[in-house]
Amino acid sequence: MELDLDESSLAIGRIERALSRIEKALSERANPAPAPAANDQSALKAEVAAVIGELDRLIAEAKNG
């Protein structure tokens, strides 16, 4: 299965949005505030996992296509 340009653009868009959410969450943590809730940490971990998954998929497709 070859990754086409549209799919690549969509994947890059998802990565950019996820990285933006991660950046926002990390900047909120940097401000002196109460400790983040466990569900906030889980959400951040899920965002990081999603970015890694998208990057892995793009890399695999690039190697195969």
Protein backbone atom coordinates (compact mmCIF):
# COMPACT_ATOMS: atom_id res chain seq x y z
CA MET A 1 0.00 0.00 0.00
CA GLU A 2 1.52 3.28 -1.08
CA LEU A 3 0.91 6.47 0.83
CA ASP A 4 -0.27 9.17 -1.54
CA LEU A 5 0.23 12.90 -1.22
CA ASP A 6 -3.26 13.57 0.17
CA GLU A 7 -2.87 10.91 2.86
CA SER A 8 0.56 12.28 3.72
CA SER A 9 -0.83 15.80 4.02
CA LEU A 10 -3.64 14.59 6.27
CA ALA A 11 -1.19 12.67 8.45
CA ILE A 12 1.08 15.70 8.74
CA GLY A 13 -1.92 17.82 9.68
CA ARG A 14 -2.86 15.36 12.43
CA ILE A 15 0.71 15.39 13.70
CA GLU A 16 0.81 19.20 13.72
CA ARG A 17 -2.48 19.43 15.65
CA ALA A 18 -1.38 16.81 18.16
CA LEU A 19 1.97 18.54 18.67
CA SER A 20 0.15 21.82 19.20
CA ARG A 21 -2.01 20.23 21.89
CA ILE A 22 1.08 18.70 23.51
CA GLU A 23 2.86 22.06 23.44
CA LYS A 24 -0.14 23.75 25.05
CA ALA A 25 -0.37 21.09 27.78
CA LEU A 26 3.33 21.34 28.53
CA SER A 27 3.25 25.14 28.70
CA GLU A 28 0.30 24.94 31.10
CA ARG A 29 2.33 22.57 33.28
CA ALA A 30 5.26 24.98 33.29
CA ASN A 31 3.13 27.64 34.97
CA PRO A 32 3.01 27.39 38.76
CA ALA A 33 -0.32 25.67 39.33
CA PRO A 34 -1.68 22.63 41.11
CA ALA A 35 -0.34 19.27 40.00
CA PRO A 36 -1.97 17.98 36.79
CA ALA A 37 -4.75 15.47 37.24
CA ALA A 38 -4.15 11.85 36.29
CA ASN A 39 -6.57 12.17 33.36
CA ASP A 40 -4.56 15.15 32.04
CA GLN A 41 -1.42 13.04 32.13
CA SER A 42 -3.22 10.19 30.37
CA ALA A 43 -4.46 12.56 27.67
CA LEU A 44 -0.95 13.92 27.13
CA LYS A 45 0.46 10.40 26.89
CA ALA A 46 -2.25 9.52 24.37
CA GLU A 47 -1.35 12.57 22.25
CA VAL A 48 2.33 11.61 22.29
CA ALA A 49 1.45 8.02 21.35
CA ALA A 50 -0.73 9.30 18.48
CA VAL A 51 2.11 11.43 17.11
CA ILE A 52 4.56 8.55 17.35
CA GLY A 53 2.06 6.25 15.61
CA GLU A 54 1.54 8.69 12.75
CA LEU A 55 5.28 9.18 12.33
CA ASP A 56 5.90 5.43 12.39
CA ARG A 57 3.22 4.93 9.74
CA LEU A 58 4.68 7.65 7.51
CA ILE A 59 8.19 6.25 7.87
CA ALA A 60 7.03 2.70 7.08
CA GLU A 61 5.12 3.89 4.02
CA ALA A 62 8.11 5.93 2.84
CA LYS A 63 10.37 2.88 3.12
CA ASN A 64 7.88 0.67 1.27
CA GLY A 65 6.84 3.20 -1.36
